[in-house]
């Protein structure tokens, strides 16, 4: 299951999985793109291991990693609680 986490001003969507049995969390990022349909990438926490990068530049990945690193503690907490809505009792 994937849970919504954040939408950036440029329409980039960041979602995350529940915490896996091995303690990892999948963070999936996608951004609408006129040429490619969607750019997308996956980052696994807590290792910050990137995979399946499709048409994001290295500079864009660097910027996305800064966002993920600054919010990783929240993503990990929400992944344990079933997403933001469950963690915030909404």
N, C-alpha and C. Protein backbone atom coordinates (compact mmCIF):
# COMPACT_ATOMS: atom_id res chain seq x y z
N UNK A 1 0.85 -1.18 0.00
CA UNK A 1 0.00 0.00 0.00
C UNK A 1 0.89 1.24 0.00
N UNK A 2 0.48 2.24 -0.75
CA UNK A 2 1.21 3.50 -0.80
C UNK A 2 0.34 4.60 -0.20
N UNK A 3 1.00 5.49 0.55
CA UNK A 3 0.31 6.57 1.24
C UNK A 3 0.80 7.91 0.72
N UNK A 4 -0.10 8.87 0.48
CA UNK A 4 0.34 10.19 0.04
C UNK A 4 1.14 10.87 1.14
N UNK A 5 2.17 11.59 0.74
CA UNK A 5 2.98 12.31 1.72
C UNK A 5 3.05 13.80 1.42
N UNK A 6 3.42 14.16 0.17
CA UNK A 6 3.64 15.57 -0.12
C UNK A 6 3.46 15.83 -1.61
N UNK A 7 2.91 17.00 -1.93
CA UNK A 7 2.85 17.48 -3.30
C UNK A 7 3.61 18.80 -3.34
N UNK A 8 4.62 18.87 -4.22
CA UNK A 8 5.42 20.08 -4.35
C UNK A 8 4.76 21.06 -5.31
N UNK A 9 5.23 22.30 -5.31
CA UNK A 9 4.64 23.34 -6.16
C UNK A 9 4.68 23.01 -7.64
N UNK A 10 5.65 22.20 -8.07
CA UNK A 10 5.75 21.84 -9.49
C UNK A 10 4.95 20.58 -9.83
N UNK A 11 4.04 20.19 -8.94
CA UNK A 11 3.16 19.03 -9.09
C UNK A 11 3.86 17.69 -8.88
N UNK A 12 5.07 17.71 -8.35
CA UNK A 12 5.74 16.46 -7.99
C UNK A 12 5.01 15.84 -6.81
N UNK A 13 4.66 14.56 -6.95
CA UNK A 13 3.99 13.82 -5.89
C UNK A 13 4.99 12.90 -5.20
N UNK A 14 4.96 12.89 -3.88
CA UNK A 14 5.81 11.99 -3.10
C UNK A 14 4.88 11.13 -2.26
N UNK A 15 5.00 9.82 -2.42
CA UNK A 15 4.21 8.86 -1.65
C UNK A 15 5.16 7.85 -1.02
N UNK A 16 4.68 7.13 -0.02
CA UNK A 16 5.52 6.13 0.64
C UNK A 16 4.73 4.89 0.97
N UNK A 17 5.46 3.80 1.16
CA UNK A 17 4.84 2.53 1.53
C UNK A 17 4.73 2.41 3.04
N UNK A 18 4.12 1.32 3.46
CA UNK A 18 4.19 0.95 4.87
C UNK A 18 5.61 0.45 5.12
N UNK A 19 6.01 0.39 6.39
CA UNK A 19 7.33 -0.14 6.70
C UNK A 19 7.34 -1.64 6.42
N UNK A 20 8.33 -2.08 5.67
CA UNK A 20 8.48 -3.49 5.33
C UNK A 20 9.05 -4.25 6.54
N UNK A 21 8.94 -5.57 6.52
CA UNK A 21 9.45 -6.38 7.62
C UNK A 21 10.93 -6.16 7.89
N UNK A 22 11.69 -5.83 6.85
CA UNK A 22 13.12 -5.61 7.02
C UNK A 22 13.46 -4.18 7.44
N UNK A 23 12.45 -3.36 7.73
CA UNK A 23 12.66 -2.00 8.23
C UNK A 23 12.81 -0.95 7.14
N UNK A 24 12.61 -1.33 5.88
CA UNK A 24 12.74 -0.36 4.80
C UNK A 24 11.40 0.25 4.44
N UNK A 25 11.48 1.42 3.82
CA UNK A 25 10.29 2.13 3.36
C UNK A 25 10.56 2.58 1.92
N UNK A 26 9.63 2.28 1.04
CA UNK A 26 9.73 2.70 -0.36
C UNK A 26 9.13 4.10 -0.48
N UNK A 27 9.91 5.03 -1.05
CA UNK A 27 9.42 6.37 -1.34
C UNK A 27 9.39 6.50 -2.86
N UNK A 28 8.22 6.79 -3.40
CA UNK A 28 8.04 6.88 -4.84
C UNK A 28 7.73 8.33 -5.20
N UNK A 29 8.41 8.84 -6.22
CA UNK A 29 8.26 10.22 -6.64
C UNK A 29 7.88 10.22 -8.11
N UNK A 30 6.88 11.05 -8.46
CA UNK A 30 6.58 11.24 -9.87
C UNK A 30 6.18 12.68 -10.13
N UNK A 31 6.52 13.13 -11.35
CA UNK A 31 6.22 14.50 -11.76
C UNK A 31 5.68 14.46 -13.19
N UNK A 32 4.55 15.13 -13.44
CA UNK A 32 4.03 15.20 -14.81
C UNK A 32 5.07 15.87 -15.72
N UNK A 33 5.15 15.39 -16.95
CA UNK A 33 6.12 15.92 -17.90
C UNK A 33 5.51 15.85 -19.30
N UNK A 34 5.50 16.96 -20.01
CA UNK A 34 4.89 17.00 -21.35
C UNK A 34 5.55 16.04 -22.32
N UNK A 35 6.86 15.91 -22.23
CA UNK A 35 7.58 15.06 -23.19
C UNK A 35 7.48 13.58 -22.85
N UNK A 36 7.59 13.22 -21.57
CA UNK A 36 7.67 11.81 -21.17
C UNK A 36 6.40 11.28 -20.50
N UNK A 37 5.41 12.12 -20.32
CA UNK A 37 4.23 11.71 -19.57
C UNK A 37 4.45 11.95 -18.08
N UNK A 38 5.30 11.13 -17.48
CA UNK A 38 5.70 11.30 -16.09
C UNK A 38 7.17 10.95 -15.94
N UNK A 39 7.88 11.75 -15.16
CA UNK A 39 9.20 11.37 -14.67
C UNK A 39 8.94 10.63 -13.36
N UNK A 40 9.75 9.65 -13.02
CA UNK A 40 9.55 8.97 -11.74
C UNK A 40 10.86 8.39 -11.24
N UNK A 41 10.88 8.11 -9.94
CA UNK A 41 12.04 7.50 -9.29
C UNK A 41 11.58 6.90 -7.97
N UNK A 42 12.37 5.94 -7.49
CA UNK A 42 12.12 5.30 -6.20
C UNK A 42 13.34 5.48 -5.32
N UNK A 43 13.11 5.82 -4.07
CA UNK A 43 14.18 5.93 -3.07
C UNK A 43 13.79 5.04 -1.88
N UNK A 44 14.70 4.16 -1.47
CA UNK A 44 14.44 3.28 -0.33
C UNK A 44 15.11 3.85 0.92
N UNK A 45 14.30 4.00 1.96
CA UNK A 45 14.81 4.44 3.27
C UNK A 45 15.01 3.22 4.15
N UNK A 46 15.90 3.22 5.10
CA UNK A 46 16.75 4.34 5.51
C UNK A 46 18.07 4.43 4.75
N UNK A 47 18.28 3.63 3.71
CA UNK A 47 19.56 3.61 2.99
C UNK A 47 19.71 4.76 1.99
N UNK A 48 18.61 5.41 1.60
CA UNK A 48 18.62 6.42 0.53
C UNK A 48 19.17 5.79 -0.75
N UNK A 49 18.68 4.59 -1.04
CA UNK A 49 19.09 3.86 -2.24
C UNK A 49 18.09 4.17 -3.35
N UNK A 50 18.60 4.73 -4.45
CA UNK A 50 17.76 5.12 -5.58
C UNK A 50 17.73 4.03 -6.63
N UNK A 51 16.55 3.87 -7.26
CA UNK A 51 16.40 2.93 -8.35
C UNK A 51 15.27 3.41 -9.26
N UNK A 52 15.18 2.78 -10.42
CA UNK A 52 14.09 3.05 -11.37
C UNK A 52 13.94 4.55 -11.66
N UNK A 53 15.06 5.23 -11.87
CA UNK A 53 15.04 6.67 -12.18
C UNK A 53 14.73 6.83 -13.66
N UNK A 54 13.63 7.52 -13.95
CA UNK A 54 13.18 7.70 -15.33
C UNK A 54 13.09 9.20 -15.64
N UNK A 55 14.07 9.70 -16.37
CA UNK A 55 14.13 11.05 -16.91
C UNK A 55 14.27 12.17 -15.88
N UNK A 56 14.59 11.88 -14.63
CA UNK A 56 15.03 12.92 -13.71
C UNK A 56 16.53 13.11 -13.94
N UNK A 57 17.00 14.36 -13.91
CA UNK A 57 18.43 14.62 -14.01
C UNK A 57 19.10 14.35 -12.67
N UNK A 58 20.41 14.26 -12.67
CA UNK A 58 21.14 14.08 -11.41
C UNK A 58 20.89 15.26 -10.47
N UNK A 59 20.79 16.46 -11.02
CA UNK A 59 20.51 17.64 -10.19
C UNK A 59 19.11 17.54 -9.57
N UNK A 60 18.14 17.10 -10.34
CA UNK A 60 16.78 16.93 -9.79
C UNK A 60 16.77 15.87 -8.69
N UNK A 61 17.49 14.77 -8.90
CA UNK A 61 17.56 13.72 -7.87
C UNK A 61 18.22 14.27 -6.61
N UNK A 62 19.26 15.06 -6.78
CA UNK A 62 19.93 15.67 -5.63
C UNK A 62 18.95 16.54 -4.83
N UNK A 63 18.15 17.36 -5.53
CA UNK A 63 17.16 18.21 -4.86
C UNK A 63 16.09 17.36 -4.17
N UNK A 64 15.63 16.31 -4.84
CA UNK A 64 14.63 15.44 -4.23
C UNK A 64 15.18 14.73 -3.01
N UNK A 65 16.44 14.31 -3.08
CA UNK A 65 17.04 13.65 -1.92
C UNK A 65 17.15 14.60 -0.73
N UNK A 66 17.43 15.86 -0.98
CA UNK A 66 17.46 16.85 0.11
C UNK A 66 16.10 16.94 0.79
N UNK A 67 15.04 16.94 0.00
CA UNK A 67 13.68 16.98 0.56
C UNK A 67 13.42 15.71 1.37
N UNK A 68 13.76 14.57 0.81
CA UNK A 68 13.51 13.30 1.50
C UNK A 68 14.33 13.21 2.78
N UNK A 69 15.61 13.61 2.72
CA UNK A 69 16.45 13.57 3.93
C UNK A 69 15.88 14.47 5.03
N UNK A 70 15.36 15.62 4.66
CA UNK A 70 14.84 16.55 5.66
C UNK A 70 13.51 16.10 6.26
N UNK A 71 12.82 15.17 5.60
CA UNK A 71 11.52 14.70 6.09
C UNK A 71 11.50 13.20 6.38
N UNK A 72 12.64 12.54 6.26
CA UNK A 72 12.69 11.07 6.41
C UNK A 72 12.13 10.61 7.76
N UNK A 73 12.40 11.37 8.82
CA UNK A 73 11.89 10.97 10.13
C UNK A 73 10.36 10.91 10.13
N UNK A 74 9.72 11.84 9.41
CA UNK A 74 8.26 11.82 9.31
C UNK A 74 7.78 10.67 8.44
N UNK A 75 8.45 10.47 7.30
CA UNK A 75 8.06 9.37 6.41
C UNK A 75 8.14 8.04 7.15
N UNK A 76 9.22 7.82 7.88
CA UNK A 76 9.39 6.57 8.62
C UNK A 76 8.33 6.43 9.70
N UNK A 77 8.05 7.50 10.42
CA UNK A 77 7.00 7.45 11.45
C UNK A 77 5.65 7.13 10.82
N UNK A 78 5.30 7.84 9.74
CA UNK A 78 4.01 7.61 9.09
C UNK A 78 3.92 6.21 8.49
N UNK A 79 5.04 5.67 8.04
CA UNK A 79 5.03 4.32 7.47
C UNK A 79 4.67 3.27 8.52
N UNK A 80 5.00 3.54 9.76
CA UNK A 80 4.66 2.63 10.87
C UNK A 80 3.20 2.75 11.28
N UNK A 81 2.63 3.93 11.03
CA UNK A 81 1.28 4.24 11.50
C UNK A 81 0.20 4.11 10.44
N UNK A 82 0.56 3.71 9.23
CA UNK A 82 -0.44 3.59 8.17
C UNK A 82 -0.72 4.90 7.47
N UNK A 83 0.30 5.74 7.30
CA UNK A 83 0.16 6.99 6.59
C UNK A 83 -0.17 8.16 7.51
N UNK A 84 -0.12 9.34 6.94
CA UNK A 84 -0.36 10.59 7.70
C UNK A 84 -1.73 10.61 8.35
N UNK A 85 -2.76 10.21 7.61
CA UNK A 85 -4.12 10.31 8.16
C UNK A 85 -4.28 9.44 9.39
N UNK A 86 -3.75 8.23 9.39
CA UNK A 86 -3.82 7.37 10.58
C UNK A 86 -2.96 7.91 11.70
N UNK A 87 -1.76 8.42 11.37
CA UNK A 87 -0.86 8.93 12.39
C UNK A 87 -1.43 10.17 13.07
N UNK A 88 -2.22 10.96 12.33
CA UNK A 88 -2.79 12.19 12.89
C UNK A 88 -4.22 11.99 13.39
N UNK A 89 -4.71 10.76 13.34
CA UNK A 89 -6.06 10.43 13.80
C UNK A 89 -7.14 11.21 13.04
N UNK A 90 -6.93 11.45 11.75
CA UNK A 90 -7.95 12.13 10.94
C UNK A 90 -9.00 11.15 10.48
